Amino acid sequence: FQHRERVASHYQMSVALKSEIKKLIYTHVGIWLLLLAQMCVG
């Protein structure tokens, strides 16, 4: 039955890429918040 339990490669890739993009988005939000803070303080 194990051949039926494999996840298709494009689904695996989708999950991995979503995870990487989320990390990059959270990094972007951190940079954005720093710039916003600098603008508010200025």
PDB file of all heavy atoms in Angstrom:
ATOM      1  N   PHE A   1       0.814  -1.214   0.000  1.00  0.00           N
ATOM      2  CA  PHE A   1       0.000   0.000   0.000  1.00  0.00           C
ATOM      3  C   PHE A   1       0.850   1.268   0.000  1.00  0.00           C
ATOM      4  O   PHE A   1       0.328   2.358  -0.171  1.00  0.00           O
ATOM      5  CB  PHE A   1      -0.914   0.028   1.223  1.00  0.00           C
ATOM      6  CG  PHE A   1      -0.151   0.095   2.517  1.00  0.00           C
ATOM      7  CD1 PHE A   1       0.174   1.313   3.084  1.00  0.00           C
ATOM      8  CD2 PHE A   1       0.269  -1.067   3.151  1.00  0.00           C
ATOM      9  CE1 PHE A   1       0.891   1.375   4.264  1.00  0.00           C
ATOM     10  CE2 PHE A   1       0.986  -1.005   4.325  1.00  0.00           C
ATOM     11  CZ  PHE A   1       1.308   0.216   4.883  1.00  0.00           C
ATOM     12  N   GLN A   2       2.164   1.159   0.202  1.00  0.00           N
ATOM     13  CA  GLN A   2       3.000   2.342   0.391  1.00  0.00           C
ATOM     14  C   GLN A   2       3.058   3.226  -0.843  1.00  0.00           C
ATOM     15  O   GLN A   2       3.250   4.428  -0.734  1.00  0.00           O
ATOM     16  CB  GLN A   2       4.401   1.942   0.842  1.00  0.00           C
ATOM     17  CG  GLN A   2       4.375   1.400   2.251  1.00  0.00           C
ATOM     18  CD  GLN A   2       5.760   1.116   2.766  1.00  0.00           C
ATOM     19  OE1 GLN A   2       6.727   1.229   2.038  1.00  0.00           O
ATOM     20  NE2 GLN A   2       5.855   0.741   4.029  1.00  0.00           N
ATOM     21  N   HIS A   3       2.902   2.699  -2.036  1.00  0.00           N
ATOM     22  CA  HIS A   3       2.934   3.536  -3.229  1.00  0.00           C
ATOM     23  C   HIS A   3       1.775   4.530  -3.239  1.00  0.00           C
ATOM     24  O   HIS A   3       1.850   5.573  -3.858  1.00  0.00           O
ATOM     25  CB  HIS A   3       2.902   2.676  -4.491  1.00  0.00           C
ATOM     26  CG  HIS A   3       1.602   1.966  -4.698  1.00  0.00           C
ATOM     27  ND1 HIS A   3       1.282   0.806  -4.027  1.00  0.00           N
ATOM     28  CD2 HIS A   3       0.548   2.263  -5.490  1.00  0.00           C
ATOM     29  CE1 HIS A   3       0.075   0.409  -4.400  1.00  0.00           C
ATOM     30  NE2 HIS A   3      -0.394   1.277  -5.287  1.00  0.00           N
ATOM     31  N   ARG A   4       0.702   4.193  -2.529  1.00  0.00           N
ATOM     32  CA  ARG A   4      -0.451   5.099  -2.474  1.00  0.00           C
ATOM     33  C   ARG A   4      -0.284   6.179  -1.415  1.00  0.00           C
ATOM     34  O   ARG A   4      -1.055   7.113  -1.366  1.00  0.00           O
ATOM     35  CB  ARG A   4      -1.714   4.297  -2.188  1.00  0.00           C
ATOM     36  CG  ARG A   4      -2.121   3.448  -3.370  1.00  0.00           C
ATOM     37  CD  ARG A   4      -3.273   2.606  -3.001  1.00  0.00           C
ATOM     38  NE  ARG A   4      -2.739   1.461  -2.242  1.00  0.00           N
ATOM     39  CZ  ARG A   4      -3.462   0.499  -1.739  1.00  0.00           C
ATOM     40  NH1 ARG A   4      -4.754   0.517  -1.866  1.00  0.00           N
ATOM     41  NH2 ARG A   4      -2.905  -0.484  -1.092  1.00  0.00           N
ATOM     42  N   GLU A   5       0.719   6.089  -0.577  1.00  0.00           N
ATOM     43  CA  GLU A   5       0.903   7.054   0.491  1.00  0.00           C
ATOM     44  C   GLU A   5       1.900   8.148   0.151  1.00  0.00           C
ATOM     45  O   GLU A   5       2.155   9.003   0.967  1.00  0.00           O
ATOM     46  CB  GLU A   5       1.334   6.332   1.778  1.00  0.00           C
ATOM     47  CG  GLU A   5       0.212   5.498   2.340  1.00  0.00           C
ATOM     48  CD  GLU A   5       0.506   5.042   3.746  1.00  0.00           C
ATOM     49  OE1 GLU A   5       1.525   5.449   4.321  1.00  0.00           O
ATOM     50  OE2 GLU A   5      -0.297   4.275   4.269  1.00  0.00           O
ATOM     51  N   ARG A   6       2.449   8.121  -1.043  1.00  0.00           N
ATOM     52  CA  ARG A   6       3.368   9.183  -1.447  1.00  0.00           C
ATOM     53  C   ARG A   6       2.585  10.418  -1.841  1.00  0.00           C
ATOM     54  O   ARG A   6       1.554  10.328  -2.495  1.00  0.00           O
ATOM     55  CB  ARG A   6       4.221   8.734  -2.627  1.00  0.00           C
ATOM     56  CG  ARG A   6       5.507   8.072  -2.173  1.00  0.00           C
ATOM     57  CD  ARG A   6       6.393   7.776  -3.329  1.00  0.00           C
ATOM     58  NE  ARG A   6       6.082   6.399  -3.735  1.00  0.00           N
ATOM     59  CZ  ARG A   6       5.925   5.990  -4.964  1.00  0.00           C
ATOM     60  NH1 ARG A   6       6.088   6.803  -5.966  1.00  0.00           N
ATOM     61  NH2 ARG A   6       5.633   4.740  -5.227  1.00  0.00           N
ATOM     62  N   VAL A   7       3.111  11.581  -1.455  1.00  0.00           N
ATOM     63  CA  VAL A   7       2.505  12.852  -1.824  1.00  0.00           C
ATOM     64  C   VAL A   7       3.158  13.301  -3.121  1.00  0.00           C
ATOM     65  O   VAL A   7       4.375  13.209  -3.274  1.00  0.00           O
ATOM     66  CB  VAL A   7       2.723  13.902  -0.707  1.00  0.00           C
ATOM     67  CG1 VAL A   7       2.165  15.249  -1.118  1.00  0.00           C
ATOM     68  CG2 VAL A   7       2.094  13.432   0.590  1.00  0.00           C
ATOM     69  N   ALA A   8       2.357  13.792  -4.040  1.00  0.00           N
ATOM     70  CA  ALA A   8       2.887  14.237  -5.329  1.00  0.00           C
ATOM     71  C   ALA A   8       3.927  15.329  -5.111  1.00  0.00           C
ATOM     72  O   ALA A   8       3.810  16.156  -4.197  1.00  0.00           O
ATOM     73  CB  ALA A   8       1.761  14.747  -6.211  1.00  0.00           C
ATOM     74  N   SER A   9       4.938  15.333  -5.968  1.00  0.00           N
ATOM     75  CA  SER A   9       6.073  16.243  -5.769  1.00  0.00           C
ATOM     76  C   SER A   9       5.668  17.708  -5.815  1.00  0.00           C
ATOM     77  O   SER A   9       6.216  18.535  -5.075  1.00  0.00           O
ATOM     78  CB  SER A   9       7.158  15.963  -6.800  1.00  0.00           C
ATOM     79  OG  SER A   9       6.671  16.244  -8.092  1.00  0.00           O
ATOM     80  N   HIS A  10       4.718  18.076  -6.675  1.00  0.00           N
ATOM     81  CA  HIS A  10       4.340  19.490  -6.738  1.00  0.00           C
ATOM     82  C   HIS A  10       3.616  19.934  -5.464  1.00  0.00           C
ATOM     83  O   HIS A  10       3.676  21.103  -5.097  1.00  0.00           O
ATOM     84  CB  HIS A  10       3.523  19.801  -8.000  1.00  0.00           C
ATOM     85  CG  HIS A  10       2.271  19.014  -8.137  1.00  0.00           C
ATOM     86  ND1 HIS A  10       2.258  17.795  -8.767  1.00  0.00           N
ATOM     87  CD2 HIS A  10       1.009  19.253  -7.747  1.00  0.00           C
ATOM     88  CE1 HIS A  10       1.028  17.321  -8.749  1.00  0.00           C
ATOM     89  NE2 HIS A  10       0.251  18.188  -8.132  1.00  0.00           N
ATOM     90  N   TYR A  11       2.936  19.019  -4.780  1.00  0.00           N
ATOM     91  CA  TYR A  11       2.327  19.369  -3.500  1.00  0.00           C
ATOM     92  C   TYR A  11       3.398  19.547  -2.425  1.00  0.00           C
ATOM     93  O   TYR A  11       3.312  20.442  -1.589  1.00  0.00           O
ATOM     94  CB  TYR A  11       1.316  18.311  -3.057  1.00  0.00           C
ATOM     95  CG  TYR A  11       0.089  18.251  -3.929  1.00  0.00           C
ATOM     96  CD1 TYR A  11      -0.270  17.078  -4.563  1.00  0.00           C
ATOM     97  CD2 TYR A  11      -0.714  19.373  -4.132  1.00  0.00           C
ATOM     98  CE1 TYR A  11      -1.391  17.006  -5.371  1.00  0.00           C
ATOM     99  CE2 TYR A  11      -1.834  19.324  -4.931  1.00  0.00           C
ATOM    100  CZ  TYR A  11      -2.164  18.139  -5.550  1.00  0.00           C
ATOM    101  OH  TYR A  11      -3.272  18.080  -6.349  1.00  0.00           O
ATOM    102  N   GLN A  12       4.401  18.672  -2.432  1.00  0.00           N
ATOM    103  CA  GLN A  12       5.512  18.816  -1.491  1.00  0.00           C
ATOM    104  C   GLN A  12       6.235  20.141  -1.725  1.00  0.00           C
ATOM    105  O   GLN A  12       6.575  20.853  -0.783  1.00  0.00           O
ATOM    106  CB  GLN A  12       6.497  17.663  -1.640  1.00  0.00           C
ATOM    107  CG  GLN A  12       5.981  16.338  -1.172  1.00  0.00           C
ATOM    108  CD  GLN A  12       6.961  15.211  -1.469  1.00  0.00           C
ATOM    109  OE1 GLN A  12       7.852  15.339  -2.293  1.00  0.00           O
ATOM    110  NE2 GLN A  12       6.780  14.090  -0.783  1.00  0.00           N
ATOM    111  N   MET A  13       6.461  20.463  -3.005  1.00  0.00           N
ATOM    112  CA  MET A  13       7.150  21.703  -3.343  1.00  0.00           C
ATOM    113  C   MET A  13       6.312  22.911  -2.929  1.00  0.00           C
ATOM    114  O   MET A  13       6.847  23.890  -2.422  1.00  0.00           O
ATOM    115  CB  MET A  13       7.449  21.765  -4.837  1.00  0.00           C
ATOM    116  CG  MET A  13       8.249  22.995  -5.237  1.00  0.00           C
ATOM    117  SD  MET A  13       8.616  23.038  -6.979  1.00  0.00           S
ATOM    118  CE  MET A  13       9.870  21.783  -7.031  1.00  0.00           C
ATOM    119  N   SER A  14       5.018  22.826  -3.107  1.00  0.00           N
ATOM    120  CA  SER A  14       4.141  23.933  -2.732  1.00  0.00           C
ATOM    121  C   SER A  14       4.242  24.233  -1.240  1.00  0.00           C
ATOM    122  O   SER A  14       4.366  25.387  -0.837  1.00  0.00           O
ATOM    123  CB  SER A  14       2.695  23.606  -3.107  1.00  0.00           C
ATOM    124  OG  SER A  14       1.820  24.622  -2.715  1.00  0.00           O
ATOM    125  N   VAL A  15       4.221  23.205  -0.437  1.00  0.00           N
ATOM    126  CA  VAL A  15       4.311  23.386   1.019  1.00  0.00           C
ATOM    127  C   VAL A  15       5.665  23.991   1.401  1.00  0.00           C
ATOM    128  O   VAL A  15       5.735  24.922   2.208  1.00  0.00           O
ATOM    129  CB  VAL A  15       4.079  22.042   1.750  1.00  0.00           C
ATOM    130  CG1 VAL A  15       4.402  22.156   3.215  1.00  0.00           C
ATOM    131  CG2 VAL A  15       2.646  21.591   1.553  1.00  0.00           C
ATOM    132  N   ALA A  16       6.734  23.484   0.808  1.00  0.00           N
ATOM    133  CA  ALA A  16       8.074  23.991   1.123  1.00  0.00           C
ATOM    134  C   ALA A  16       8.238  25.448   0.686  1.00  0.00           C
ATOM    135  O   ALA A  16       8.788  26.266   1.428  1.00  0.00           O
ATOM    136  CB  ALA A  16       9.134  23.115   0.455  1.00  0.00           C
ATOM    137  N   LEU A  17       7.742  25.780  -0.503  1.00  0.00           N
ATOM    138  CA  LEU A  17       7.872  27.148  -0.999  1.00  0.00           C
ATOM    139  C   LEU A  17       7.025  28.129  -0.194  1.00  0.00           C
ATOM    140  O   LEU A  17       7.443  29.248   0.075  1.00  0.00           O
ATOM    141  CB  LEU A  17       7.508  27.212  -2.482  1.00  0.00           C
ATOM    142  CG  LEU A  17       8.488  26.533  -3.428  1.00  0.00           C
ATOM    143  CD1 LEU A  17       7.917  26.441  -4.832  1.00  0.00           C
ATOM    144  CD2 LEU A  17       9.819  27.271  -3.429  1.00  0.00           C
ATOM    145  N   LYS A  18       5.831  27.703   0.201  1.00  0.00           N
ATOM    146  CA  LYS A  18       4.994  28.552   1.047  1.00  0.00           C
ATOM    147  C   LYS A  18       5.716  28.866   2.355  1.00  0.00           C
ATOM    148  O   LYS A  18       5.687  30.001   2.836  1.00  0.00           O
ATOM    149  CB  LYS A  18       3.662  27.877   1.354  1.00  0.00           C
ATOM    150  CG  LYS A  18       2.675  27.908   0.224  1.00  0.00           C
ATOM    151  CD  LYS A  18       1.403  27.200   0.657  1.00  0.00           C
ATOM    152  CE  LYS A  18       0.420  27.041  -0.448  1.00  0.00           C
ATOM    153  NZ  LYS A  18      -0.810  26.354  -0.016  1.00  0.00           N
ATOM    154  N   SER A  19       6.370  27.883   2.918  1.00  0.00           N
ATOM    155  CA  SER A  19       7.109  28.087   4.162  1.00  0.00           C
ATOM    156  C   SER A  19       8.237  29.101   3.971  1.00  0.00           C
ATOM    157  O   SER A  19       8.423  29.996   4.804  1.00  0.00           O
ATOM    158  CB  SER A  19       7.663  26.750   4.645  1.00  0.00           C
ATOM    159  OG  SER A  19       8.524  26.928   5.731  1.00  0.00           O
ATOM    160  N   GLU A  20       8.995  28.960   2.879  1.00  0.00           N
ATOM    161  CA  GLU A  20      10.099  29.893   2.616  1.00  0.00           C
ATOM    162  C   GLU A  20       9.579  31.310   2.382  1.00  0.00           C
ATOM    163  O   GLU A  20      10.149  32.277   2.873  1.00  0.00           O
ATOM    164  CB  GLU A  20      10.918  29.428   1.401  1.00  0.00           C
ATOM    165  CG  GLU A  20      11.704  28.163   1.641  1.00  0.00           C
ATOM    166  CD  GLU A  20      12.721  28.308   2.752  1.00  0.00           C
ATOM    167  OE1 GLU A  20      13.408  29.336   2.818  1.00  0.00           O
ATOM    168  OE2 GLU A  20      12.835  27.374   3.562  1.00  0.00           O
ATOM    169  N   ILE A  21       8.500  31.431   1.626  1.00  0.00           N
ATOM    170  CA  ILE A  21       7.941  32.752   1.343  1.00  0.00           C
ATOM    171  C   ILE A  21       7.424  33.388   2.623  1.00  0.00           C
ATOM    172  O   ILE A  21       7.593  34.596   2.837  1.00  0.00           O
ATOM    173  CB  ILE A  21       6.841  32.670   0.260  1.00  0.00           C
ATOM    174  CG1 ILE A  21       7.456  32.240  -1.075  1.00  0.00           C
ATOM    175  CG2 ILE A  21       6.133  34.002   0.102  1.00  0.00           C
ATOM    176  CD1 ILE A  21       6.436  31.911  -2.150  1.00  0.00           C
ATOM    177  N   LYS A  22       6.813  32.604   3.496  1.00  0.00           N
ATOM    178  CA  LYS A  22       6.336  33.151   4.769  1.00  0.00           C
ATOM    179  C   LYS A  22       7.498  33.689   5.600  1.00  0.00           C
ATOM    180  O   LYS A  22       7.388  34.764   6.201  1.00  0.00           O
ATOM    181  CB  LYS A  22       5.574  32.087   5.571  1.00  0.00           C
ATOM    182  CG  LYS A  22       4.178  31.850   5.073  1.00  0.00           C
ATOM    183  CD  LYS A  22       3.496  30.782   5.896  1.00  0.00           C
ATOM    184  CE  LYS A  22       2.149  30.419   5.323  1.00  0.00           C
ATOM    185  NZ  LYS A  22       1.477  29.351   6.072  1.00  0.00           N
ATOM    186  N   LYS A  23       8.612  32.969   5.628  1.00  0.00           N
ATOM    187  CA  LYS A  23       9.789  33.463   6.361  1.00  0.00           C
ATOM    188  C   LYS A  23      10.262  34.791   5.786  1.00  0.00           C
ATOM    189  O   LYS A  23      10.604  35.725   6.528  1.00  0.00           O
ATOM    190  CB  LYS A  23      10.925  32.442   6.300  1.00  0.00           C
ATOM    191  CG  LYS A  23      10.694  31.179   7.073  1.00  0.00           C
ATOM    192  CD  LYS A  23      11.829  30.196   6.836  1.00  0.00           C
ATOM    193  CE  LYS A  23      11.500  28.819   7.319  1.00  0.00           C
ATOM    194  NZ  LYS A  23      12.536  27.834   6.960  1.00  0.00           N
ATOM    195  N   LEU A  24      10.288  34.887   4.456  1.00  0.00           N
ATOM    196  CA  LEU A  24      10.718  36.123   3.813  1.00  0.00           C
ATOM    197  C   LEU A  24       9.731  37.262   4.072  1.00  0.00           C
ATOM    198  O   LEU A  24      10.140  38.412   4.273  1.00  0.00           O
ATOM    199  CB  LEU A  24      10.897  35.907   2.302  1.00  0.00           C
ATOM    200  CG  LEU A  24      12.069  35.023   1.914  1.00  0.00           C
ATOM    201  CD1 LEU A  24      11.964  34.597   0.460  1.00  0.00           C
ATOM    202  CD2 LEU A  24      13.387  35.733   2.185  1.00  0.00           C
ATOM    203  N   ILE A  25       8.446  36.950   4.087  1.00  0.00           N
ATOM    204  CA  ILE A  25       7.441  37.976   4.371  1.00  0.00           C
ATOM    205  C   ILE A  25       7.599  38.474   5.799  1.00  0.00           C
ATOM    206  O   ILE A  25       7.527  39.682   6.059  1.00  0.00           O
ATOM    207  CB  ILE A  25       6.019  37.448   4.098  1.00  0.00           C
ATOM    208  CG1 ILE A  25       5.797  37.323   2.592  1.00  0.00           C
ATOM    209  CG2 ILE A  25       4.968  38.349   4.728  1.00  0.00           C
ATOM    210  CD1 ILE A  25       4.486  36.664   2.201  1.00  0.00           C
ATOM    211  N   TYR A  26       7.840  37.582   6.736  1.00  0.00           N
ATOM    212  CA  TYR A  26       8.021  38.011   8.126  1.00  0.00           C
ATOM    213  C   TYR A  26       9.295  38.847   8.276  1.00  0.00           C
ATOM    214  O   TYR A  26       9.316  39.808   9.045  1.00  0.00           O
ATOM    215  CB  TYR A  26       8.038  36.812   9.068  1.00  0.00           C
ATOM    216  CG  TYR A  26       6.723  36.049   9.072  1.00  0.00           C
ATOM    217  CD1 TYR A  26       6.702  34.673   9.213  1.00  0.00           C
ATOM    218  CD2 TYR A  26       5.501  36.700   8.921  1.00  0.00           C
ATOM    219  CE1 TYR A  26       5.509  33.969   9.206  1.00  0.00           C
ATOM    220  CE2 TYR A  26       4.309  36.002   8.905  1.00  0.00           C
ATOM    221  CZ  TYR A  26       4.318  34.642   9.050  1.00  0.00           C
ATOM    222  OH  TYR A  26       3.131  33.954   9.048  1.00  0.00           O
ATOM    223  N   THR A  27      10.337  38.510   7.531  1.00  0.00           N
ATOM    224  CA  THR A  27      11.550  39.333   7.535  1.00  0.00           C
ATOM    225  C   THR A  27      11.255  40.701   6.955  1.00  0.00           C
ATOM    226  O   THR A  27      11.701  41.727   7.490  1.00  0.00           O
ATOM    227  CB  THR A  27      12.670  38.642   6.731  1.00  0.00           C
ATOM    228  OG1 THR A  27      12.881  37.343   7.261  1.00  0.00           O
ATOM    229  CG2 THR A  27      13.962  39.435   6.774  1.00  0.00           C
ATOM    230  N   HIS A  28      10.486  40.721   5.882  1.00  0.00           N
ATOM    231  CA  HIS A  28      10.101  42.006   5.268  1.00  0.00           C
ATOM    232  C   HIS A  28       9.293  42.854   6.238  1.00  0.00           C
ATOM    233  O   HIS A  28       9.495  44.061   6.338  1.00  0.00           O
ATOM    234  CB  HIS A  28       9.309  41.761   3.980  1.00  0.00           C
ATOM    235  CG  HIS A  28       8.657  42.994   3.458  1.00  0.00           C
ATOM    236  ND1 HIS A  28       7.312  43.101   3.309  1.00  0.00           N
ATOM    237  CD2 HIS A  28       9.175  44.185   3.072  1.00  0.00           C
ATOM    238  CE1 HIS A  28       7.021  44.304   2.853  1.00  0.00           C
ATOM    239  NE2 HIS A  28       8.139  44.975   2.710  1.00  0.00           N
ATOM    240  N   VAL A  29       8.374  42.231   6.948  1.00  0.00           N
ATOM    241  CA  VAL A  29       7.572  42.976   7.931  1.00  0.00           C
ATOM    242  C   VAL A  29       8.480  43.569   9.015  1.00  0.00           C
ATOM    243  O   VAL A  29       8.269  44.702   9.464  1.00  0.00           O
ATOM    244  CB  VAL A  29       6.469  42.079   8.538  1.00  0.00           C
ATOM    245  CG1 VAL A  29       5.812  42.739   9.738  1.00  0.00           C
ATOM    246  CG2 VAL A  29       5.434  41.734   7.477  1.00  0.00           C
ATOM    247  N   GLY A  30       9.513  42.833   9.423  1.00  0.00           N
ATOM    248  CA  GLY A  30      10.475  43.378  10.398  1.00  0.00           C
ATOM    249  C   GLY A  30      11.197  44.606   9.861  1.00  0.00           C
ATOM    250  O   GLY A  30      11.325  45.617  10.559  1.00  0.00           O
ATOM    251  N   ILE A  31      11.671  44.534   8.613  1.00  0.00           N
ATOM    252  CA  ILE A  31      12.331  45.693   7.993  1.00  0.00           C
ATOM    253  C   ILE A  31      11.350  46.846   7.888  1.00  0.00           C
ATOM    254  O   ILE A  31      11.682  48.003   8.186  1.00  0.00           O
ATOM    255  CB  ILE A  31      12.875  45.310   6.595  1.00  0.00           C
ATOM    256  CG1 ILE A  31      13.999  44.299   6.726  1.00  0.00           C
ATOM    257  CG2 ILE A  31      13.356  46.538   5.831  1.00  0.00           C
ATOM    258  CD1 ILE A  31      14.403  43.649   5.419  1.00  0.00           C
ATOM    259  N   TRP A  32      10.129  46.555   7.466  1.00  0.00           N
ATOM    260  CA  TRP A  32       9.095  47.569   7.310  1.00  0.00           C
ATOM    261  C   TRP A  32       8.799  48.262   8.640  1.00  0.00           C
ATOM    262  O   TRP A  32       8.664  49.483   8.697  1.00  0.00           O
ATOM    263  CB  TRP A  32       7.840  46.903   6.744  1.00  0.00           C
ATOM    264  CG  TRP A  32       6.738  47.843   6.387  1.00  0.00           C
ATOM    265  CD1 TRP A  32       6.602  48.549   5.228  1.00  0.00           C
ATOM    266  CD2 TRP A  32       5.607  48.172   7.196  1.00  0.00           C
ATOM    267  NE1 TRP A  32       5.457  49.290   5.270  1.00  0.00           N
ATOM    268  CE2 TRP A  32       4.822  49.078   6.468  1.00  0.00           C
ATOM    269  CE3 TRP A  32       5.191  47.784   8.459  1.00  0.00           C
ATOM    270  CZ2 TRP A  32       3.637  49.607   6.968  1.00  0.00           C
ATOM    271  CZ3 TRP A  32       4.013  48.308   8.953  1.00  0.00           C
ATOM    272  CH2 TRP A  32       3.249  49.208   8.208  1.00  0.00           C
ATOM    273  N   LEU A  33       8.724  47.476   9.712  1.00  0.00           N
ATOM    274  CA  LEU A  33       8.464  48.060  11.035  1.00  0.00           C
ATOM    275  C   LEU A  33       9.617  48.949  11.496  1.00  0.00           C
ATOM    276  O   LEU A  33       9.392  49.996  12.120  1.00  0.00           O
ATOM    277  CB  LEU A  33       8.188  46.962  12.059  1.00  0.00           C
ATOM    278  CG  LEU A  33       6.838  46.261  11.927  1.00  0.00           C
ATOM    279  CD1 LEU A  33       6.760  45.058  12.857  1.00  0.00           C
ATOM    280  CD2 LEU A  33       5.703  47.235  12.204  1.00  0.00           C
ATOM    281  N   LEU A  34      10.858  48.548  11.194  1.00  0.00           N
ATOM    282  CA  LEU A  34      12.007  49.396  11.538  1.00  0.00           C
ATOM    283  C   LEU A  34      11.962  50.730  10.796  1.00  0.00           C
ATOM    284  O   LEU A  34      12.217  51.790  11.385  1.00  0.00           O
ATOM    285  CB  LEU A  34      13.319  48.669  11.240  1.00  0.00           C
ATOM    286  CG  LEU A  34      13.710  47.557  12.198  1.00  0.00           C
ATOM    287  CD1 LEU A  34      14.936  46.819  11.677  1.00  0.00           C
ATOM    288  CD2 LEU A  34      13.982  48.133  13.579  1.00  0.00           C
ATOM    289  N   LEU A  35      11.632  50.690   9.511  1.00  0.00           N
ATOM    290  CA  LEU A  35      11.528  51.931   8.741  1.00  0.00           C
ATOM    291  C   LEU A  35      10.364  52.786   9.246  1.00  0.00           C
ATOM    292  O   LEU A  35      10.483  54.009   9.333  1.00  0.00           O
ATOM    293  CB  LEU A  35      11.358  51.637   7.259  1.00  0.00           C
ATOM    294  CG  LEU A  35      12.597  51.152   6.539  1.00  0.00           C
ATOM    295  CD1 LEU A  35      12.290  50.820   5.096  1.00  0.00           C
ATOM    296  CD2 LEU A  35      13.702  52.187   6.612  1.00  0.00           C
ATOM    297  N   LEU A  36       9.256  52.152   9.573  1.00  0.00           N
ATOM    298  CA  LEU A  36       8.114  52.885  10.111  1.00  0.00           C
ATOM    299  C   LEU A  36       8.480  53.543  11.441  1.00  0.00           C
ATOM    300  O   LEU A  36       8.134  54.709  11.683  1.00  0.00           O
ATOM    301  CB  LEU A  36       6.916  51.956  10.283  1.00  0.00           C
ATOM    302  CG  LEU A  36       5.629  52.600  10.799  1.00  0.00           C
ATOM    303  CD1 LEU A  36       5.082  53.575   9.761  1.00  0.00           C
ATOM    304  CD2 LEU A  36       4.600  51.528  11.121  1.00  0.00           C
ATOM    305  N   ALA A  37       9.190  52.820  12.285  1.00  0.00           N
ATOM    306  CA  ALA A  37       9.623  53.383  13.571  1.00  0.00           C
ATOM    307  C   ALA A  37      10.563  54.563  13.358  1.00  0.00           C
ATOM    308  O   ALA A  37      10.427  55.594  14.029  1.00  0.00           O
ATOM    309  CB  ALA A  37      10.297  52.302  14.416  1.00  0.00           C
ATOM    310  N   GLN A  38      11.500  54.423  12.415  1.00  0.00           N
ATOM    311  CA  GLN A  38      12.422  55.530  12.131  1.00  0.00           C
ATOM    312  C   GLN A  38      11.660  56.747  11.630  1.00  0.00           C
ATOM    313  O   GLN A  38      11.948  57.881  12.011  1.00  0.00           O
ATOM    314  CB  GLN A  38      13.471  55.097  11.105  1.00  0.00           C
ATOM    315  CG  GLN A  38      14.533  56.136  10.846  1.00  0.00           C
ATOM    316  CD  GLN A  38      14.652  56.521   9.391  1.00  0.00           C
ATOM    317  OE1 GLN A  38      14.114  55.865   8.521  1.00  0.00           O
ATOM    318  NE2 GLN A  38      15.354  57.587   9.150  1.00  0.00           N
ATOM    319  N   MET A  39      10.660  56.523  10.798  1.00  0.00           N
ATOM    320  CA  MET A  39       9.871  57.638  10.273  1.00  0.00           C
ATOM    321  C   MET A  39       9.057  58.307  11.377  1.00  0.00           C
ATOM    322  O   MET A  39       8.987  59.534  11.439  1.00  0.00           O
ATOM    323  CB  MET A  39       8.957  57.152   9.155  1.00  0.00           C
ATOM    324  CG  MET A  39       9.720  56.728   7.918  1.00  0.00           C
ATOM    325  SD  MET A  39       8.667  56.059   6.659  1.00  0.00           S
ATOM    326  CE  MET A  39       8.145  57.573   5.882  1.00  0.00           C
ATOM    327  N   CYS A  40       8.456  57.521  12.238  1.00  0.00           N
ATOM    328  CA  CYS A  40       7.665  58.082  13.340  1.00  0.00           C
ATOM    329  C   CYS A  40       8.548  58.868  14.303  1.00  0.00           C
ATOM    330  O   CYS A  40       8.191  59.973  14.716  1.00  0.00           O
ATOM    331  CB  CYS A  40       6.930  56.972  14.091  1.00  0.00           C
ATOM    332  SG  CYS A  40       5.588  56.237  13.148  1.00  0.00           S
ATOM    333  N   VAL A  41       9.697  58.312  14.642  1.00  0.00           N
ATOM    334  CA  VAL A  41      10.611  58.998  15.557  1.00  0.00           C
ATOM    335  C   VAL A  41      11.120  60.286  14.927  1.00  0.00           C
ATOM    336  O   VAL A  41      11.223  61.323  15.582  1.00  0.00           O
ATOM    337  CB  VAL A  41      11.789  58.069  15.951  1.00  0.00           C
ATOM    338  CG1 VAL A  41      12.905  58.837  16.634  1.00  0.00           C
ATOM    339  CG2 VAL A  41      11.294  56.955  16.850  1.00  0.00           C
ATOM    340  N   GLY A  42      11.419  60.256  13.625  1.00  0.00           N
ATOM    341  CA  GLY A  42      11.910  61.447  12.943  1.00  0.00           C
ATOM    342  C   GLY A  42      10.869  62.529  12.834  1.00  0.00           C
ATOM    343  O   GLY A  42      11.153  63.713  13.077  1.00  0.00           O
TER     344      GLY A  42
END
